[in-house]
């Protein structure tokens, strides 16, 4: 039996090193762990695939947009059918 993990992120390639090394890499190599990394921008609906925005009220940093701006909705979207990065 293997554990399947789906990760949704803005930076899918950033996880490559973590998934290839350490105990995660050993689990994947042994077939006990499956990890699919999905690019959050795959669900974005605008021309520039925008997934983040400035915080309401100003301030430093960025925040993720709400579900209205993306097609991702856990009750209606099967992420196993989305393309992995």
N, C-alpha and C. Protein backbone atom coordinates (compact mmCIF):
# COMPACT_ATOMS: atom_id res chain seq x y z
N UNK A 1 0.84 -1.17 0.00
CA UNK A 1 0.00 0.00 0.00
C UNK A 1 0.89 1.24 0.00
N UNK A 2 0.53 2.23 -0.82
CA UNK A 2 1.33 3.45 -0.85
C UNK A 2 0.46 4.65 -0.51
N UNK A 3 1.08 5.65 0.01
CA UNK A 3 0.42 6.90 0.35
C UNK A 3 0.53 7.84 -0.84
N UNK A 4 -0.59 8.41 -1.26
CA UNK A 4 -0.60 9.35 -2.39
C UNK A 4 -0.83 10.76 -1.85
N UNK A 5 0.06 11.68 -2.19
CA UNK A 5 -0.04 13.08 -1.75
C UNK A 5 -0.09 13.98 -2.98
N UNK A 6 -1.06 14.89 -3.01
CA UNK A 6 -1.15 15.91 -4.05
C UNK A 6 -0.79 17.25 -3.42
N UNK A 7 0.15 17.95 -4.04
CA UNK A 7 0.60 19.26 -3.55
C UNK A 7 0.22 20.30 -4.59
N UNK A 8 -0.46 21.35 -4.16
CA UNK A 8 -0.83 22.46 -5.04
C UNK A 8 0.00 23.65 -4.63
N UNK A 9 0.78 24.21 -5.56
CA UNK A 9 1.69 25.29 -5.23
C UNK A 9 1.86 26.25 -6.40
N UNK A 10 2.32 27.44 -6.11
CA UNK A 10 2.65 28.41 -7.15
C UNK A 10 4.02 28.11 -7.77
N UNK A 11 4.84 27.34 -7.06
CA UNK A 11 6.21 27.08 -7.49
C UNK A 11 6.49 25.58 -7.52
N UNK A 12 5.92 24.86 -8.49
CA UNK A 12 6.06 23.40 -8.49
C UNK A 12 7.49 22.88 -8.64
N UNK A 13 8.31 23.56 -9.41
CA UNK A 13 9.69 23.07 -9.61
C UNK A 13 10.54 23.24 -8.35
N UNK A 14 10.10 24.08 -7.44
CA UNK A 14 10.85 24.30 -6.22
C UNK A 14 10.88 23.04 -5.34
N UNK A 15 9.93 22.15 -5.54
CA UNK A 15 9.85 20.93 -4.72
C UNK A 15 10.67 19.78 -5.27
N UNK A 16 11.20 19.91 -6.47
CA UNK A 16 11.95 18.81 -7.09
C UNK A 16 13.06 18.27 -6.20
N UNK A 17 13.86 19.14 -5.63
CA UNK A 17 14.98 18.71 -4.78
C UNK A 17 14.51 17.99 -3.53
N UNK A 18 13.46 18.50 -2.90
CA UNK A 18 12.94 17.88 -1.69
C UNK A 18 12.38 16.49 -1.96
N UNK A 19 11.74 16.32 -3.13
CA UNK A 19 11.13 15.04 -3.46
C UNK A 19 12.15 14.01 -3.95
N UNK A 20 13.31 14.47 -4.38
CA UNK A 20 14.34 13.56 -4.87
C UNK A 20 15.30 13.14 -3.75
N UNK A 21 15.36 13.90 -2.70
CA UNK A 21 16.32 13.64 -1.62
C UNK A 21 15.57 13.28 -0.34
N UNK A 22 16.30 13.05 0.69
CA UNK A 22 15.81 12.80 2.04
C UNK A 22 14.88 11.59 2.12
N UNK A 23 14.10 11.52 3.16
CA UNK A 23 13.22 10.38 3.37
C UNK A 23 12.09 10.35 2.35
N UNK A 24 11.70 11.51 1.83
CA UNK A 24 10.67 11.54 0.78
C UNK A 24 11.16 10.81 -0.48
N UNK A 25 12.38 11.09 -0.88
CA UNK A 25 12.96 10.44 -2.05
C UNK A 25 13.06 8.93 -1.87
N UNK A 26 13.42 8.52 -0.68
CA UNK A 26 13.52 7.08 -0.40
C UNK A 26 12.15 6.41 -0.46
N UNK A 27 11.13 7.08 0.06
CA UNK A 27 9.78 6.53 0.02
C UNK A 27 9.24 6.43 -1.39
N UNK A 28 9.54 7.43 -2.22
CA UNK A 28 9.10 7.42 -3.62
C UNK A 28 9.82 6.30 -4.37
N UNK A 29 11.14 6.19 -4.15
CA UNK A 29 11.93 5.16 -4.83
C UNK A 29 11.47 3.75 -4.44
N UNK A 30 11.04 3.59 -3.19
CA UNK A 30 10.60 2.27 -2.72
C UNK A 30 9.15 1.97 -3.13
N UNK A 31 8.48 2.94 -3.71
CA UNK A 31 7.10 2.74 -4.13
C UNK A 31 6.09 2.86 -3.00
N UNK A 32 6.51 3.37 -1.86
CA UNK A 32 5.60 3.50 -0.72
C UNK A 32 4.94 4.88 -0.65
N UNK A 33 5.43 5.79 -1.47
CA UNK A 33 4.91 7.16 -1.46
C UNK A 33 4.78 7.65 -2.89
N UNK A 34 3.65 8.25 -3.19
CA UNK A 34 3.44 8.87 -4.49
C UNK A 34 3.13 10.34 -4.28
N UNK A 35 3.83 11.21 -4.97
CA UNK A 35 3.60 12.64 -4.83
C UNK A 35 3.36 13.24 -6.21
N UNK A 36 2.24 13.94 -6.36
CA UNK A 36 1.95 14.68 -7.58
C UNK A 36 1.96 16.16 -7.22
N UNK A 37 2.72 16.93 -7.97
CA UNK A 37 2.81 18.36 -7.73
C UNK A 37 2.03 19.07 -8.82
N UNK A 38 1.10 19.92 -8.43
CA UNK A 38 0.23 20.65 -9.36
C UNK A 38 0.52 22.14 -9.27
N UNK A 39 0.54 22.79 -10.41
CA UNK A 39 0.75 24.23 -10.47
C UNK A 39 -0.60 24.92 -10.26
N UNK A 40 -0.71 25.74 -9.22
CA UNK A 40 -1.96 26.44 -8.93
C UNK A 40 -2.41 27.28 -10.12
N UNK A 41 -1.47 27.77 -10.89
CA UNK A 41 -1.82 28.61 -12.04
C UNK A 41 -2.59 27.84 -13.12
N UNK A 42 -2.55 26.51 -13.08
CA UNK A 42 -3.31 25.71 -14.03
C UNK A 42 -4.80 25.94 -13.91
N UNK A 43 -5.25 26.35 -12.73
CA UNK A 43 -6.66 26.59 -12.49
C UNK A 43 -7.07 28.05 -12.67
N UNK A 44 -6.11 28.93 -12.89
CA UNK A 44 -6.43 30.36 -13.02
C UNK A 44 -7.13 30.62 -14.35
N UNK A 45 -8.03 31.58 -14.34
CA UNK A 45 -8.87 31.80 -15.52
C UNK A 45 -8.51 33.05 -16.31
N UNK A 46 -7.67 33.91 -15.77
CA UNK A 46 -7.37 35.15 -16.51
C UNK A 46 -6.22 34.95 -17.48
N UNK A 47 -6.01 35.93 -18.31
CA UNK A 47 -5.01 35.88 -19.38
C UNK A 47 -3.59 35.64 -18.86
N UNK A 48 -3.27 36.21 -17.70
CA UNK A 48 -1.91 36.13 -17.16
C UNK A 48 -1.76 35.04 -16.11
N UNK A 49 -2.81 34.21 -15.91
CA UNK A 49 -2.80 33.14 -14.92
C UNK A 49 -2.40 33.66 -13.53
N UNK A 50 -3.06 34.72 -13.11
CA UNK A 50 -2.76 35.38 -11.84
C UNK A 50 -3.40 34.61 -10.69
N UNK A 51 -2.59 34.23 -9.71
CA UNK A 51 -3.08 33.48 -8.56
C UNK A 51 -2.96 34.25 -7.25
N UNK A 52 -2.23 35.36 -7.27
CA UNK A 52 -2.06 36.14 -6.05
C UNK A 52 -2.34 37.61 -6.30
N UNK A 53 -2.50 38.35 -5.21
CA UNK A 53 -2.86 39.76 -5.30
C UNK A 53 -2.32 40.48 -4.07
N UNK A 54 -2.38 41.79 -4.10
CA UNK A 54 -1.95 42.57 -2.95
C UNK A 54 -2.94 42.38 -1.81
N UNK A 55 -2.46 42.48 -0.55
CA UNK A 55 -3.37 42.32 0.58
C UNK A 55 -4.36 43.48 0.69
N UNK A 56 -5.57 43.17 1.10
CA UNK A 56 -6.59 44.20 1.32
C UNK A 56 -6.11 45.13 2.42
N UNK A 57 -6.19 46.40 2.20
CA UNK A 57 -5.75 47.37 3.20
C UNK A 57 -4.27 47.71 3.11
N UNK A 58 -3.58 47.16 2.12
CA UNK A 58 -2.16 47.47 1.94
C UNK A 58 -1.27 46.60 2.80
N UNK A 59 -0.02 46.97 2.85
CA UNK A 59 0.95 46.21 3.63
C UNK A 59 1.85 45.39 2.72
N UNK A 60 2.83 44.77 3.33
CA UNK A 60 3.82 44.00 2.59
C UNK A 60 3.28 42.61 2.25
N UNK A 61 3.84 42.01 1.22
CA UNK A 61 3.51 40.64 0.87
C UNK A 61 2.40 40.51 -0.14
N UNK A 62 2.02 39.28 -0.39
CA UNK A 62 0.96 38.95 -1.34
C UNK A 62 0.06 37.91 -0.68
N UNK A 63 -1.17 37.82 -1.17
CA UNK A 63 -2.12 36.82 -0.70
C UNK A 63 -2.69 36.08 -1.89
N UNK A 64 -3.12 34.85 -1.68
CA UNK A 64 -3.74 34.09 -2.76
C UNK A 64 -5.13 34.64 -3.02
N UNK A 65 -5.51 34.65 -4.29
CA UNK A 65 -6.85 35.10 -4.65
C UNK A 65 -7.89 34.09 -4.17
N UNK A 66 -9.12 34.54 -4.08
CA UNK A 66 -10.18 33.65 -3.65
C UNK A 66 -10.58 32.69 -4.78
N UNK A 67 -11.46 31.76 -4.48
CA UNK A 67 -11.83 30.74 -5.45
C UNK A 67 -12.57 31.28 -6.66
N UNK A 68 -13.13 32.46 -6.57
CA UNK A 68 -13.84 33.02 -7.73
C UNK A 68 -12.90 33.25 -8.91
N UNK A 69 -11.64 33.49 -8.63
CA UNK A 69 -10.69 33.78 -9.70
C UNK A 69 -10.02 32.52 -10.24
N UNK A 70 -10.29 31.38 -9.66
CA UNK A 70 -9.70 30.12 -10.14
C UNK A 70 -10.80 29.08 -10.35
N UNK A 71 -10.49 28.04 -11.10
CA UNK A 71 -11.43 26.94 -11.29
C UNK A 71 -11.31 25.90 -10.20
N UNK A 72 -10.33 26.06 -9.32
CA UNK A 72 -10.11 25.09 -8.26
C UNK A 72 -11.19 25.20 -7.19
N UNK A 73 -11.90 24.13 -7.00
CA UNK A 73 -12.91 24.06 -5.96
C UNK A 73 -12.95 22.60 -5.54
N UNK A 74 -12.49 22.31 -4.35
CA UNK A 74 -12.28 20.92 -3.94
C UNK A 74 -13.55 20.06 -4.03
N UNK A 75 -14.72 20.65 -3.90
CA UNK A 75 -15.92 19.83 -3.97
C UNK A 75 -16.34 19.53 -5.41
N UNK A 76 -15.76 20.22 -6.39
CA UNK A 76 -16.17 20.01 -7.78
C UNK A 76 -15.03 19.64 -8.71
N UNK A 77 -13.79 19.75 -8.26
CA UNK A 77 -12.65 19.49 -9.13
C UNK A 77 -11.89 18.26 -8.65
N UNK A 78 -11.68 17.33 -9.53
CA UNK A 78 -10.87 16.15 -9.22
C UNK A 78 -9.44 16.46 -9.62
N UNK A 79 -8.57 16.74 -8.62
CA UNK A 79 -7.21 17.17 -8.97
C UNK A 79 -6.40 16.06 -9.59
N UNK A 80 -6.84 14.82 -9.46
CA UNK A 80 -6.10 13.74 -10.10
C UNK A 80 -6.18 13.83 -11.62
N UNK A 81 -7.15 14.59 -12.14
CA UNK A 81 -7.30 14.75 -13.59
C UNK A 81 -6.53 15.96 -14.12
N UNK A 82 -5.98 16.79 -13.22
CA UNK A 82 -5.24 17.96 -13.64
C UNK A 82 -3.82 17.57 -14.02
N UNK A 83 -3.20 18.32 -14.91
CA UNK A 83 -1.83 18.00 -15.31
C UNK A 83 -0.86 18.24 -14.16
N UNK A 84 0.05 17.33 -13.95
CA UNK A 84 1.11 17.51 -12.96
C UNK A 84 2.24 18.26 -13.59
N UNK A 85 3.00 18.95 -12.78
CA UNK A 85 4.15 19.71 -13.30
C UNK A 85 5.37 18.85 -13.31
